[in-house]
Protein backbone atom coordinates (compact mmCIF):
# COMPACT_ATOMS: atom_id res chain seq x y z
CA MET A 1 0.70 -0.46 0.28
CA ALA A 2 1.19 3.31 -0.59
CA GLU A 3 2.15 5.77 2.51
CA SER A 4 2.89 9.38 2.22
CA MET A 5 5.40 12.16 2.48
CA LYS A 6 4.46 13.31 5.48
CA GLY A 7 7.69 14.21 7.42
CA LEU A 8 10.45 13.75 4.19
CA HIS A 9 12.13 16.13 2.41
CA ARG A 10 14.39 15.15 -1.23
CA THR A 11 17.43 16.83 -0.68
CA HIS A 12 19.12 15.68 -3.83
CA ARG A 13 18.48 14.38 -6.62
CA CYS A 14 20.37 11.48 -6.91
CA THR A 15 22.70 12.23 -9.76
CA GLU A 16 23.85 15.74 -7.13
CA VAL A 17 24.78 12.60 -4.71
CA SER A 18 28.58 12.68 -5.14
CA ASN A 19 31.66 12.17 -3.06
CA ALA A 20 31.50 15.24 -1.22
CA GLU A 21 28.43 14.22 0.57
CA ILE A 22 30.31 10.78 2.10
CA GLY A 23 29.11 10.71 5.76
CA LYS A 24 26.55 11.96 5.66
CA VAL A 25 22.42 11.41 5.63
CA VAL A 26 20.25 12.52 2.34
CA THR A 27 17.52 11.89 0.81
CA VAL A 28 16.66 10.77 -2.77
CA MET A 29 13.27 9.34 -4.29
CA GLY A 30 12.92 8.08 -7.24
CA TRP A 31 11.76 4.81 -9.37
CA VAL A 32 12.80 2.00 -8.95
CA GLN A 33 14.76 0.40 -12.19
CA LYS A 34 16.67 -3.06 -10.73
CA ARG A 35 16.20 -5.14 -7.64
CA ARG A 36 18.67 -7.25 -6.51
CA ASN A 37 18.85 -9.37 -3.92
CA LEU A 38 21.49 -11.19 -2.26
CA GLY A 39 19.90 -12.49 1.01
CA SER A 40 21.17 -10.48 3.59
CA LEU A 41 22.00 -7.68 1.19
CA ILE A 42 19.16 -5.59 -1.43
CA PHE A 43 20.74 -3.31 -4.51
CA VAL A 44 18.12 -1.21 -5.56
CA ASP A 45 19.45 1.65 -8.54
CA LEU A 46 17.24 4.51 -7.77
CA ARG A 47 16.11 6.54 -10.35
CA ASP A 48 15.22 10.11 -11.48
CA ARG A 49 16.22 12.49 -14.06
CA SER A 50 19.56 12.75 -13.21
CA GLY A 51 20.01 9.73 -13.32
CA LEU A 52 21.02 6.84 -11.34
CA LEU A 53 22.21 6.19 -7.75
CA GLN A 54 22.83 2.51 -5.56
CA VAL A 55 21.01 2.02 -2.53
CA VAL A 56 21.82 -0.92 0.05
CA PHE A 57 19.23 -2.08 2.12
CA ASP A 58 20.93 -3.66 5.24
CA GLU A 59 18.93 -5.67 8.20
CA PRO A 60 21.11 -4.27 10.89
CA LYS A 61 21.22 -0.52 9.24
CA VAL A 62 17.30 -0.51 7.95
CA GLY A 63 15.37 -2.96 10.26
CA ALA A 64 13.17 -5.71 9.76
CA GLU A 65 10.85 -4.10 8.90
CA GLY A 66 12.36 -2.03 6.15
CA PHE A 67 14.26 -4.67 5.20
CA ALA A 68 11.27 -7.03 4.88
CA LYS A 69 9.66 -4.21 2.83
CA ALA A 70 12.56 -3.67 0.47
CA GLY A 71 12.28 -7.68 -0.63
CA THR A 72 8.68 -6.24 -1.64
CA LEU A 73 9.91 -4.08 -4.68
CA ARG A 74 9.28 -4.31 -8.07
CA ASN A 75 10.47 -2.06 -10.94
CA GLU A 76 9.35 1.63 -11.57
CA PHE A 77 7.89 1.42 -7.89
CA VAL A 78 7.98 5.11 -6.17
CA VAL A 79 10.05 5.28 -2.88
CA ALA A 80 11.74 7.26 -1.16
CA VAL A 81 15.05 6.28 1.06
CA THR A 82 16.66 7.78 3.58
CA GLY A 83 20.67 6.65 4.74
CA THR A 84 23.91 8.10 4.74
CA VAL A 85 26.62 8.00 1.61
CA GLU A 86 29.53 5.67 1.44
CA ARG A 87 32.16 4.59 -0.36
CA ARG A 88 31.12 1.55 -2.52
CA SER A 89 32.16 -1.21 -1.16
CA ALA A 90 32.10 -4.06 -3.97
CA ALA A 91 33.68 -2.10 -7.57
CA VAL A 92 32.96 0.92 -8.42
CA ASN A 93 31.24 1.50 -11.75
CA GLU A 94 33.28 3.89 -14.30
CA ASN A 95 30.21 4.14 -16.49
CA LEU A 96 27.50 6.28 -13.98
CA LYS A 97 27.53 9.72 -12.23
CA THR A 98 27.32 8.24 -9.01
CA GLY A 99 29.76 4.29 -9.74
CA GLU A 100 31.87 5.60 -6.85
CA ILE A 101 29.14 5.84 -4.17
CA GLU A 102 26.40 4.54 -2.66
CA VAL A 103 23.26 5.63 -0.08
CA ILE A 104 22.76 3.23 3.26
CA ALA A 105 19.65 2.68 3.77
CA THR A 106 17.85 3.35 7.31
CA GLY A 107 14.50 4.29 6.45
CA LEU A 108 12.03 3.36 3.75
CA ARG A 109 9.05 4.52 1.86
CA VAL A 110 6.68 3.38 -0.54
CA LEU A 111 4.43 5.69 -2.16
CA SER A 112 3.41 4.13 -4.90
CA GLU A 113 3.80 0.60 -6.71
CA SER A 114 3.36 0.04 -9.89
CA GLU A 115 2.17 -2.85 -12.78
CA THR A 116 4.57 -4.69 -14.69
CA PRO A 117 5.04 -1.94 -17.74
CA PRO A 118 4.05 -3.12 -21.39
CA PHE A 119 8.25 -2.99 -21.92
CA PRO A 120 11.55 -2.51 -19.77
CA ILE A 121 12.24 1.22 -19.46
CA GLU A 122 15.72 1.69 -20.52
CA GLU A 123 18.27 4.04 -22.98
CA ASN A 124 17.35 3.05 -27.07
CA SER A 125 14.56 0.91 -26.28
CA LEU A 126 14.22 -1.67 -28.94
CA THR A 127 10.86 -1.45 -28.21
CA LYS A 128 8.25 -1.16 -31.24
CA GLU A 129 7.80 2.98 -31.74
CA ASP A 130 3.49 2.36 -32.02
CA VAL A 131 3.38 0.28 -28.63
CA ARG A 132 6.11 3.46 -27.18
CA LEU A 133 3.80 5.64 -28.04
CA ARG A 134 1.03 4.32 -26.92
CA TYR A 135 2.48 4.35 -22.94
CA ARG A 136 4.45 7.74 -24.20
CA TYR A 137 4.27 8.60 -19.87
CA LEU A 138 6.15 5.69 -19.43
CA ASP A 139 8.89 6.01 -22.87
CA LEU A 140 9.98 9.80 -21.40
CA ARG A 141 10.71 7.41 -18.47
CA ARG A 142 14.15 6.71 -20.56
CA PRO A 143 17.16 8.45 -19.63
CA ASP A 144 17.92 9.25 -23.44
CA LEU A 145 13.96 10.40 -23.85
CA GLN A 146 14.69 13.06 -20.49
CA ARG A 147 18.11 13.98 -22.07
CA ASN A 148 16.18 15.02 -25.13
CA LEU A 149 13.76 16.27 -23.70
CA MET A 150 16.32 19.03 -20.59
CA MET A 151 18.10 19.50 -23.83
CA LYS A 152 15.34 21.86 -24.81
CA SER A 153 14.37 23.00 -21.89
CA LYS A 154 17.63 24.62 -21.73
CA VAL A 155 18.40 25.33 -25.35
CA ALA A 156 14.74 28.08 -24.40
CA MET A 157 15.98 29.43 -22.42
CA LEU A 158 19.32 30.33 -24.44
CA LEU A 159 18.12 31.76 -26.57
CA ARG A 160 15.42 33.67 -23.99
CA ASN A 161 18.87 34.63 -22.37
CA PHE A 162 20.35 35.88 -25.55
CA MET A 163 17.34 38.14 -27.84
CA GLU A 164 16.77 39.64 -24.05
CA LYS A 165 20.65 40.37 -23.80
CA GLU A 166 20.18 41.74 -27.83
CA GLY A 167 17.13 43.93 -26.46
CA PHE A 168 14.10 41.48 -28.03
CA LEU A 169 10.82 41.68 -26.49
CA GLU A 170 8.94 38.19 -26.04
CA ILE A 171 5.33 39.43 -25.80
CA GLU A 172 2.49 36.44 -26.96
CA THR A 173 0.05 36.18 -30.94
CA PRO A 174 -3.52 34.95 -30.90
CA MET A 175 -3.26 31.37 -31.05
CA LEU A 176 -7.19 31.61 -32.42
CA THR A 177 -7.17 33.49 -35.60
CA LYS A 178 -7.99 34.11 -39.55
CA SER A 179 -7.27 31.55 -41.65
CA THR A 180 -4.79 32.55 -44.73
CA PRO A 181 -5.28 30.00 -46.88
CA GLU A 182 -2.45 30.08 -49.39
CA GLY A 183 -0.20 27.94 -47.75
CA ALA A 184 -0.62 24.93 -45.65
CA ARG A 185 -4.17 23.85 -44.53
CA ASP A 186 -5.26 24.98 -42.20
CA TYR A 187 -6.59 23.64 -39.09
CA LEU A 188 -9.15 25.38 -38.31
CA VAL A 189 -11.72 25.97 -35.47
CA PRO A 190 -16.29 26.15 -35.21
CA SER A 191 -17.27 29.50 -33.70
CA ARG A 192 -20.14 29.28 -30.82
CA VAL A 193 -21.24 32.87 -31.36
CA HIS A 194 -20.59 33.35 -34.57
CA PRO A 195 -22.28 29.85 -35.89
CA GLY A 196 -21.15 29.19 -39.67
CA SER A 197 -17.66 30.49 -38.52
CA PHE A 198 -14.61 29.72 -37.85
CA TYR A 199 -10.85 30.10 -36.83
CA ALA A 200 -7.63 28.74 -37.37
CA LEU A 201 -4.60 28.15 -35.60
CA PRO A 202 -1.83 29.67 -36.58
CA GLN A 203 0.67 28.08 -38.52
CA SER A 204 3.13 30.55 -37.69
CA PRO A 205 3.10 34.70 -36.05
CA GLN A 206 4.15 36.37 -38.89
CA LEU A 207 1.11 39.00 -39.69
CA PHE A 208 0.78 39.44 -36.21
CA LYS A 209 4.64 39.72 -35.42
CA GLN A 210 3.86 42.05 -39.01
CA LEU A 211 2.31 43.91 -37.08
CA LEU A 212 4.15 44.42 -34.16
CA MET A 213 6.34 45.67 -35.86
CA CYS A 214 3.76 48.50 -37.24
CA SER A 215 3.19 48.77 -33.57
CA GLY A 216 6.49 50.29 -33.25
CA TYR A 217 8.05 47.33 -30.79
CA ASP A 218 11.47 47.77 -33.00
CA ARG A 219 12.10 43.27 -31.91
CA TYR A 220 10.22 41.17 -31.15
CA PHE A 221 10.49 37.27 -29.89
CA GLN A 222 8.23 34.42 -28.87
CA ILE A 223 8.69 30.86 -29.19
CA ALA A 224 5.39 29.72 -30.28
CA ARG A 225 3.32 26.84 -31.01
CA CYS A 226 2.36 26.58 -34.99
CA PHE A 227 0.06 24.50 -36.87
CA ARG A 228 -0.15 22.99 -39.85
CA ASP A 229 -2.34 19.83 -41.21
CA GLU A 230 0.71 18.04 -43.94
CA ASP A 231 1.19 15.62 -44.13
CA LEU A 232 4.05 14.17 -42.01
CA ARG A 233 7.13 13.19 -42.08
CA ALA A 234 10.21 12.11 -40.08
CA ASP A 235 11.20 15.99 -39.63
CA ARG A 236 7.80 17.19 -38.93
CA GLN A 237 4.67 17.57 -36.23
CA PRO A 238 0.97 18.99 -37.07
CA GLU A 239 1.37 21.00 -34.59
CA PHE A 240 5.07 22.21 -33.25
CA THR A 241 7.43 25.09 -31.62
CA GLN A 242 9.16 28.18 -33.58
CA ALA A 243 12.27 30.37 -32.25
CA ASP A 244 10.38 33.82 -33.71
CA MET A 245 11.60 37.03 -34.34
CA GLU A 246 11.20 40.44 -36.28
CA LEU A 247 13.29 43.54 -36.33
CA SER A 248 12.46 46.90 -37.45
CA PHE A 249 14.94 48.94 -39.88
CA VAL A 250 17.18 46.29 -40.83
CA ASP A 251 17.88 44.24 -43.47
CA VAL A 252 19.38 40.70 -44.89
CA ASP A 253 23.02 41.40 -43.39
CA ASP A 254 21.23 42.79 -39.87
CA VAL A 255 19.52 39.64 -39.85
CA ILE A 256 21.64 36.76 -40.60
CA ASP A 257 24.23 38.87 -38.11
CA VAL A 258 22.15 38.83 -35.17
CA ASN A 259 21.24 35.05 -35.70
CA GLU A 260 25.37 34.34 -36.37
CA ARG A 261 25.51 34.97 -33.18
CA LEU A 262 22.22 33.83 -31.67
CA LEU A 263 24.00 30.26 -33.20
CA GLN A 264 27.09 30.57 -31.79
CA TYR A 265 26.10 31.71 -28.53
CA VAL A 266 23.36 28.44 -27.85
CA PHE A 267 25.78 25.38 -29.67
CA ARG A 268 28.39 26.67 -27.99
CA GLU A 269 26.34 26.46 -24.56
CA ALA A 270 24.31 24.15 -25.26
CA ILE A 271 26.58 20.35 -26.31
CA GLY A 272 29.50 22.47 -26.59
CA VAL A 273 29.37 23.25 -29.82
CA GLU A 274 32.32 25.78 -31.29
CA ILE A 275 30.47 27.81 -35.38
CA PRO A 276 33.18 29.71 -36.81
CA LEU A 277 31.85 33.06 -38.38
CA PRO A 278 30.75 33.87 -40.38
CA ILE A 279 28.99 30.81 -41.40
CA PRO A 280 29.37 30.31 -45.46
CA ARG A 281 26.75 32.00 -48.35
CA MET A 282 25.32 30.62 -50.41
CA SER A 283 22.52 31.04 -53.05
CA TRP A 284 19.47 29.42 -53.51
CA GLN A 285 21.04 28.29 -57.83
CA GLU A 286 24.15 28.11 -56.81
CA ALA A 287 23.03 25.75 -53.82
CA MET A 288 20.63 23.50 -56.47
CA ASP A 289 23.52 23.09 -59.09
CA ARG A 290 25.90 22.25 -57.37
CA TYR A 291 23.98 20.11 -55.31
CA GLY A 292 20.02 19.44 -56.49
CA SER A 293 18.70 20.75 -52.89
CA ASP A 294 18.41 24.65 -51.03
CA LYS A 295 18.67 21.68 -48.16
CA PRO A 296 22.23 21.17 -48.98
CA ASP A 297 24.69 19.13 -46.87
CA THR A 298 28.06 19.99 -47.39
CA ARG A 299 29.65 17.49 -45.62
CA PHE A 300 31.03 15.39 -48.72
CA GLY A 301 30.80 16.33 -52.40
CA MET A 302 29.97 14.23 -54.62
CA GLU A 303 28.57 17.28 -56.62
CA LEU A 304 26.34 18.08 -59.52
CA VAL A 305 27.71 18.47 -62.55
CA ASP A 306 26.54 20.19 -66.26
CA VAL A 307 27.04 18.05 -68.88
CA SER A 308 24.15 18.86 -71.71
CA GLU A 309 26.55 20.96 -72.80
CA THR A 310 29.21 17.58 -73.34
CA VAL A 311 26.84 14.86 -74.43
CA ALA A 312 24.99 17.81 -77.20
CA GLY A 313 24.24 15.53 -80.04
CA CYS A 314 24.97 12.52 -78.89
CA GLY A 315 23.19 9.49 -80.09
CA PHE A 316 22.10 9.13 -76.35
CA GLY A 317 17.28 9.10 -77.48
CA VAL A 318 17.21 10.20 -73.29
CA PHE A 319 19.82 12.82 -73.52
CA ALA A 320 18.70 14.48 -76.61
CA GLY A 321 15.16 14.43 -75.10
CA ALA A 322 15.86 16.23 -72.27
CA LEU A 323 17.42 18.66 -74.11
CA GLU A 324 15.36 18.76 -76.99
CA ASN A 325 12.44 19.86 -74.54
CA GLY A 326 14.26 22.20 -72.69
CA GLY A 327 15.84 20.26 -69.79
CA SER A 328 19.18 19.96 -68.77
CA VAL A 329 21.68 16.35 -68.43
CA ARG A 330 23.61 16.09 -65.10
CA GLY A 331 25.68 13.39 -62.67
CA ILE A 332 27.53 12.22 -59.86
CA ASN A 333 30.96 10.56 -59.68
CA ALA A 334 30.15 8.01 -57.14
CA VAL A 335 33.66 7.24 -56.10
CA GLY A 336 35.79 4.20 -55.69
CA GLN A 337 32.13 2.33 -56.65
CA GLY A 338 33.33 1.47 -59.82
CA ALA A 339 32.81 -1.79 -59.06
CA MET A 340 29.28 -1.30 -57.23
CA PRO A 341 26.05 -4.83 -58.44
CA ARG A 342 24.72 -5.20 -60.88
CA LYS A 343 22.02 -5.78 -58.12
CA LYS A 344 22.46 -2.12 -56.06
CA ILE A 345 22.23 0.10 -59.34
CA ASP A 346 19.64 -1.58 -60.04
CA LYS A 347 18.31 -0.25 -56.30
CA LEU A 348 19.63 3.35 -57.50
CA VAL A 349 17.41 3.38 -60.79
CA GLU A 350 14.37 2.39 -58.62
CA PHE A 351 15.56 4.57 -55.92
CA ALA A 352 15.48 7.95 -58.31
CA LYS A 353 12.39 6.80 -59.95
CA GLY A 354 10.72 7.78 -56.15
CA TYR A 355 11.46 11.25 -57.60
CA GLY A 356 10.57 11.65 -60.79
CA ALA A 357 13.35 10.73 -62.71
CA LYS A 358 12.69 7.34 -65.71
CA GLY A 359 15.24 6.23 -65.18
CA LEU A 360 18.68 6.23 -64.21
CA ALA A 361 21.48 6.40 -66.68
CA TYR A 362 25.18 4.47 -65.68
CA LEU A 363 29.51 4.68 -66.33
CA ALA A 364 31.75 2.71 -64.59
CA VAL A 365 35.30 3.21 -65.50
CA ASN A 366 37.36 0.35 -65.20
CA GLY A 367 40.66 -0.17 -63.60
CA ASP A 368 42.04 -0.71 -67.85
CA GLY A 369 39.49 2.64 -68.91
CA THR A 370 36.89 0.70 -70.55
CA TYR A 371 33.81 1.74 -70.20
CA LYS A 372 30.99 -1.57 -68.18
CA SER A 373 27.17 1.36 -68.91
CA SER A 374 24.40 1.22 -69.63
CA PHE A 375 24.60 4.09 -72.54
CA ALA A 376 27.85 3.68 -73.88
CA LYS A 377 26.64 1.56 -76.89
CA PHE A 378 24.60 5.24 -77.84
CA MET A 379 27.82 7.12 -78.43
CA THR A 380 31.23 7.08 -79.35
CA GLU A 381 34.59 6.44 -77.57
CA GLU A 382 35.32 10.67 -77.51
CA GLU A 383 32.03 10.94 -76.16
CA LEU A 384 32.67 9.40 -73.90
CA ARG A 385 36.41 10.17 -72.92
CA ALA A 386 34.75 13.69 -73.37
CA LEU A 387 32.10 12.91 -70.54
CA VAL A 388 34.07 10.76 -68.09
CA GLU A 389 36.47 13.86 -67.98
CA LYS A 390 33.31 16.50 -67.52
CA MET A 391 32.83 14.27 -64.89
CA GLY A 392 36.08 13.82 -63.09
CA GLY A 393 36.11 10.19 -63.40
CA LYS A 394 38.88 8.28 -63.00
CA PRO A 395 39.21 3.93 -63.05
CA GLY A 396 36.69 2.49 -59.75
CA ASP A 397 34.79 5.86 -60.40
CA LEU A 398 30.92 5.25 -60.90
CA LEU A 399 29.23 7.84 -62.63
CA LEU A 400 25.02 8.18 -61.92
CA PHE A 401 23.18 10.15 -64.49
CA ALA A 402 19.98 12.16 -64.94
CA ALA A 403 17.93 13.32 -67.85
CA ASP A 404 15.21 15.01 -67.59
CA ARG A 405 13.68 18.98 -66.40
CA ASN A 406 15.91 20.81 -63.47
CA LYS A 407 13.76 20.53 -61.30
CA VAL A 408 13.75 16.84 -61.81
CA VAL A 409 16.98 16.49 -62.21
CA TRP A 410 17.21 18.60 -58.54
CA ASP A 411 15.50 16.15 -56.48
CA VAL A 412 16.57 12.92 -58.10
CA LEU A 413 20.39 13.96 -58.00
CA GLY A 414 19.88 15.78 -54.82
CA ALA A 415 17.80 12.98 -53.22
CA LEU A 416 20.24 10.53 -54.99
CA ARG A 417 24.08 11.19 -53.00
CA LEU A 418 22.38 11.66 -50.06
CA GLU A 419 21.50 7.79 -49.89
CA ILE A 420 25.16 6.58 -51.64
CA ALA A 421 26.23 8.58 -48.52
CA LYS A 422 24.41 6.75 -45.85
CA GLU A 423 25.51 4.27 -47.84
CA LEU A 424 29.48 4.25 -47.79
CA GLY A 425 29.35 6.04 -44.46
CA LEU A 426 30.18 9.16 -45.67
CA LEU A 427 27.89 11.94 -42.63
CA ASP A 428 30.27 12.24 -40.10
CA PRO A 429 26.90 12.62 -36.78
CA ASN A 430 29.76 14.42 -35.07
CA GLN A 431 30.29 16.84 -37.42
CA TYR A 432 27.98 20.09 -38.04
CA ASN A 433 27.77 22.00 -40.81
CA PHE A 434 26.04 26.00 -41.13
CA LEU A 435 25.28 26.90 -44.43
CA TRP A 436 23.35 30.35 -45.72
CA VAL A 437 21.01 29.77 -48.78
CA THR A 438 20.33 33.56 -49.99
CA GLU A 439 18.90 34.89 -52.49
CA PHE A 440 15.98 32.00 -53.85
CA PRO A 441 12.65 32.94 -56.28
CA LEU A 442 10.47 35.00 -55.51
CA LEU A 443 7.35 33.12 -57.20
CA GLU A 444 7.55 29.20 -58.60
CA TRP A 445 4.44 27.65 -60.92
CA SER A 446 2.30 25.79 -59.69
CA GLU A 447 1.27 22.97 -63.13
CA GLU A 448 -1.94 22.68 -59.68
CA GLU A 449 -3.27 26.08 -59.28
CA GLY A 450 -2.10 27.33 -62.47
CA ARG A 451 0.05 30.64 -61.76
CA PHE A 452 2.48 31.71 -59.95
CA MET A 453 2.78 30.76 -56.07
CA ALA A 454 4.72 33.29 -53.57
CA MET A 455 7.18 30.74 -52.13
CA HIS A 456 8.13 31.90 -48.55
CA HIS A 457 4.85 34.11 -48.32
CA PRO A 458 3.06 37.26 -50.44
CA PHE A 459 5.00 39.44 -47.64
CA THR A 460 8.65 39.25 -49.56
CA MET A 461 10.59 41.52 -50.45
CA PRO A 462 11.56 40.99 -53.89
CA MET A 463 15.63 41.85 -54.53
CA GLU A 464 15.21 45.94 -56.70
CA GLU A 465 17.88 44.86 -59.20
CA ASP A 466 14.85 42.32 -60.12
CA TRP A 467 12.01 43.86 -59.89
CA ASP A 468 11.77 45.26 -63.28
CA LYS A 469 11.23 41.36 -64.58
CA ILE A 470 8.95 41.10 -62.44
CA ASP A 471 6.26 41.85 -65.60
CA SER A 472 7.67 40.54 -68.45
CA ASP A 473 9.33 37.40 -66.47
CA PRO A 474 8.43 36.40 -62.49
CA GLY A 475 10.08 33.23 -62.48
CA ALA A 476 13.33 35.07 -63.16
CA VAL A 477 13.21 37.69 -60.14
CA ARG A 478 14.78 36.20 -56.01
CA ALA A 479 13.78 37.55 -53.20
CA LYS A 480 15.48 38.45 -50.38
CA ALA A 481 14.97 35.82 -48.67
CA TYR A 482 17.30 33.18 -46.71
CA ASP A 483 16.71 30.02 -44.92
CA ILE A 484 19.52 28.19 -42.08
CA VAL A 485 21.05 24.84 -43.45
CA LEU A 486 22.51 22.13 -40.96
CA ASN A 487 24.55 19.44 -41.57
CA GLY A 488 20.85 19.07 -44.62
CA THR A 489 17.86 19.92 -42.84
CA GLU A 490 16.82 23.06 -42.52
CA LEU A 491 17.07 25.28 -39.39
CA GLY A 492 15.01 28.03 -39.74
CA GLY A 493 14.26 31.19 -43.06
CA GLY A 494 13.24 34.15 -43.43
CA SER A 495 13.12 37.12 -45.22
CA VAL A 496 13.09 40.97 -45.45
CA ARG A 497 9.56 41.60 -45.57
CA ILE A 498 7.78 44.51 -48.03
CA HIS A 499 6.69 47.32 -46.50
CA GLN A 500 5.60 49.68 -49.41
CA ASN A 501 2.10 49.91 -50.61
CA ASP A 502 2.93 50.16 -54.29
CA ILE A 503 5.08 46.53 -54.73
CA GLN A 504 2.67 44.47 -51.91
CA GLU A 505 -0.29 45.79 -54.42
CA LYS A 506 1.83 44.26 -57.63
CA MET A 507 2.97 40.96 -55.40
CA PHE A 508 -1.13 40.47 -55.10
CA GLU A 509 -1.78 41.34 -59.02
CA VAL A 510 1.18 38.88 -59.57
CA LEU A 511 -0.58 35.65 -57.32
CA GLY A 512 -4.19 35.88 -59.34
CA PHE A 513 -5.59 37.86 -56.07
CA THR A 514 -7.63 40.57 -57.09
CA LYS A 515 -7.79 43.96 -54.90
CA GLU A 516 -11.32 42.62 -53.13
CA ARG A 517 -10.06 39.04 -52.16
CA ALA A 518 -6.56 40.67 -50.83
CA HIS A 519 -7.92 43.12 -48.68
CA GLU A 520 -10.53 40.18 -47.69
CA GLN A 521 -7.82 37.80 -46.28
CA PHE A 522 -4.94 40.44 -45.37
CA GLY A 523 -6.43 43.42 -44.66
CA PHE A 524 -6.19 44.21 -41.19
CA LEU A 525 -2.81 44.75 -42.18
CA LEU A 526 -2.95 45.94 -45.02
CA ASP A 527 -4.90 48.96 -43.08
CA ALA A 528 -1.98 49.10 -40.75
CA PHE A 529 0.59 49.60 -43.61
CA ARG A 530 -1.34 52.48 -44.69
CA TYR A 531 -0.34 54.41 -41.35
CA GLY A 532 3.87 53.82 -41.04
CA VAL A 533 5.59 51.28 -41.80
CA PRO A 534 9.31 50.64 -40.78
CA PRO A 535 11.33 48.83 -42.93
CA HIS A 536 11.88 44.76 -41.76
CA ALA A 537 12.59 41.64 -41.55
CA GLY A 538 12.55 38.93 -39.55
CA LEU A 539 13.70 34.49 -39.20
CA ALA A 540 11.55 31.66 -37.59
CA TYR A 541 13.99 28.56 -36.62
CA GLY A 542 11.84 24.80 -36.05
CA LEU A 543 12.86 24.74 -32.29
CA ASP A 544 12.42 21.30 -32.04
CA ARG A 545 14.55 20.34 -35.54
CA MET A 546 17.25 21.88 -34.08
CA VAL A 547 17.18 19.70 -30.90
CA MET A 548 16.80 17.25 -32.96
CA LEU A 549 19.72 17.59 -34.50
CA MET A 550 21.73 18.09 -31.45
CA MET A 551 21.26 15.58 -29.71
CA LYS A 552 21.75 13.69 -32.66
CA CYS A 553 17.51 11.48 -32.50
CA GLY A 554 16.58 9.79 -36.41
CA SER A 555 13.14 11.69 -35.47
CA ILE A 556 11.28 14.70 -33.99
CA ARG A 557 9.24 12.59 -31.99
CA ASP A 558 12.10 11.87 -30.34
CA VAL A 559 12.66 15.88 -28.35
CA ILE A 560 8.79 16.44 -28.38
CA ALA A 561 7.08 15.14 -25.50
CA PHE A 562 4.30 13.64 -26.78
CA PRO A 563 3.88 13.33 -30.71
CA LYS A 564 1.67 12.68 -32.87
CA VAL A 565 2.17 9.57 -35.28
CA LYS A 566 2.16 9.72 -39.42
CA ASP A 567 -1.57 10.11 -40.18
CA ALA A 568 -1.50 12.93 -36.87
CA SER A 569 -3.14 11.05 -34.25
CA CYS A 570 -2.10 10.02 -30.35
CA LEU A 571 -1.77 6.92 -29.81
CA MET A 572 -1.95 7.67 -26.17
CA THR A 573 -5.10 9.99 -25.62
CA ASP A 574 -6.89 7.97 -29.26
CA ALA A 575 -6.73 12.07 -29.92
CA PRO A 576 -8.85 12.99 -32.74
CA GLY A 577 -11.55 11.34 -31.88
CA THR A 578 -15.47 11.80 -32.12
CA VAL A 579 -18.15 14.32 -30.49
CA GLU A 580 -20.99 14.34 -28.53
CA GLU A 581 -24.51 15.32 -31.34
CA LYS A 582 -25.40 18.02 -28.31
CA GLN A 583 -21.68 19.88 -29.06
CA LEU A 584 -22.50 19.45 -33.00
CA GLU A 585 -25.49 21.01 -32.36
CA GLU A 586 -24.00 24.46 -30.35
CA LEU A 587 -21.46 24.78 -32.84
CA GLY A 588 -24.82 24.07 -35.63
CA LEU A 589 -22.60 21.49 -37.15
CA GLN A 590 -23.61 18.44 -38.78
CA LEU A 591 -21.23 15.43 -40.06
CA ARG A 592 -22.33 14.41 -43.41
CA GLU A 593 -23.68 10.49 -43.55
CA GLY A 594 -20.39 8.32 -43.32
CA ALA A 595 -18.04 10.98 -42.53
CA ALA A 596 -17.32 9.43 -39.25
CA ASP A 597 -16.35 6.04 -40.92
CA ALA A 598 -13.66 7.61 -43.59
CA PRO A 599 -9.52 7.21 -43.79
């Protein structure tokens, strides 16, 4: 039966007990990790969020009742132990922070008993994730997950400390706001007071932080909860945390400067990694041409090479067809992989098809200078030599080529170089390569919508030198936008915002907005801009992603206390769920027949 804590006070967390406490009486509390009964002595590993501490129960010291009670302890019982700290009588455990000491118990209270957990509470659990997420409250007891969440808390505090010293004000923005469908899908919240009307949960605090700049707050900061109803991946969740900021009277270099110093401070203080400044910068176009990605992993080479001119006029129809249709032919050199078995190459071909490729051409350079290739018979010896030379190919190398529209070629080879790097062990987890990607296209063409869409959002400032192309060649206009990338993952992104009315009106026109529609969706912001708006810019980090990379986790779920799974459901609470008919009536809602059974 559970006992009370009356009269007890915890003096230390488990790993706060050290050699300095030898000979002192302490009271520690936590969960039983393991119990070993040796007959005359009972050893218990006690666990709390700080770590493990060994407790020894010896009948003459703890008394017959206490010793008998210790014999009933099971894993995950919650206990309070009072005792004297002594040096370990047995071997020192160098793997534990408390490995040189133990507590000789003089008192024991069982504060709570536990049923046998459905899986062991241990680091690097091999239990299936869906089982662990169903019992997330148990999963969160695991030391590795606890370290992750403690690191997230530490990073949040470091961010706040830095921003306060830099003159930022932490201001909260609304969670119930107006739907602005330009972007990912909103989560909608029906209003009871206004039947037929809906709030939206914020995808970001974007519009409100711009209003704060209009209101003269100069530098804003918030650790904000955001919501997006989109398909999930390992580094995405329907609800997530942003470290969000906005600054007035600044341009690109000012935002980059404060954020480089922020990153340097946070990574140094949190995990002891020193980031050399300045962080390298690369234009979006260069990143796509060299790496096939706007978030390139620069820890290894294997860069893309454009061989379009080299193969122009060759007899290989796949290359020729791509060039005739305005596309390109590009390749990567998997150095030293020329002897890769055909079965493995076929797997790479299938992998490439998953990214839109119709196929993948390959050429292996043999040790004697001959070639093994899927297309050599369509090209002359001279053309093949020129191609190998352009690719920097040497005996023993494997050259892989994609031919299609630029976007497909970039997607395929960008993903392929990462896949090969993973297989070859080229991704050093202890290396932190930061990169600014700048000068993004302002607009991107949507085949689905049949119009240009904002690559970031409709309030992104174009680069002044490109603005004269907005009518003649909108796709060529670059934006004052910037992303910060770490090891091939986008950590955060932002832009300088439009603060001139004429540019904003033109931007809406290019995006296909009528004045009426623009005012319907963004009227409160446009109205505010009529009363004096300073030039302003901002940036937001995915805080969960940042901690995921710091802690070298494979999934963003490992740094979120209660995450959702891929279908945006919570296995622990069974959310989302049905609601009572009365609740729907109050909201003026009626479900279509069969809607509850839809997948």
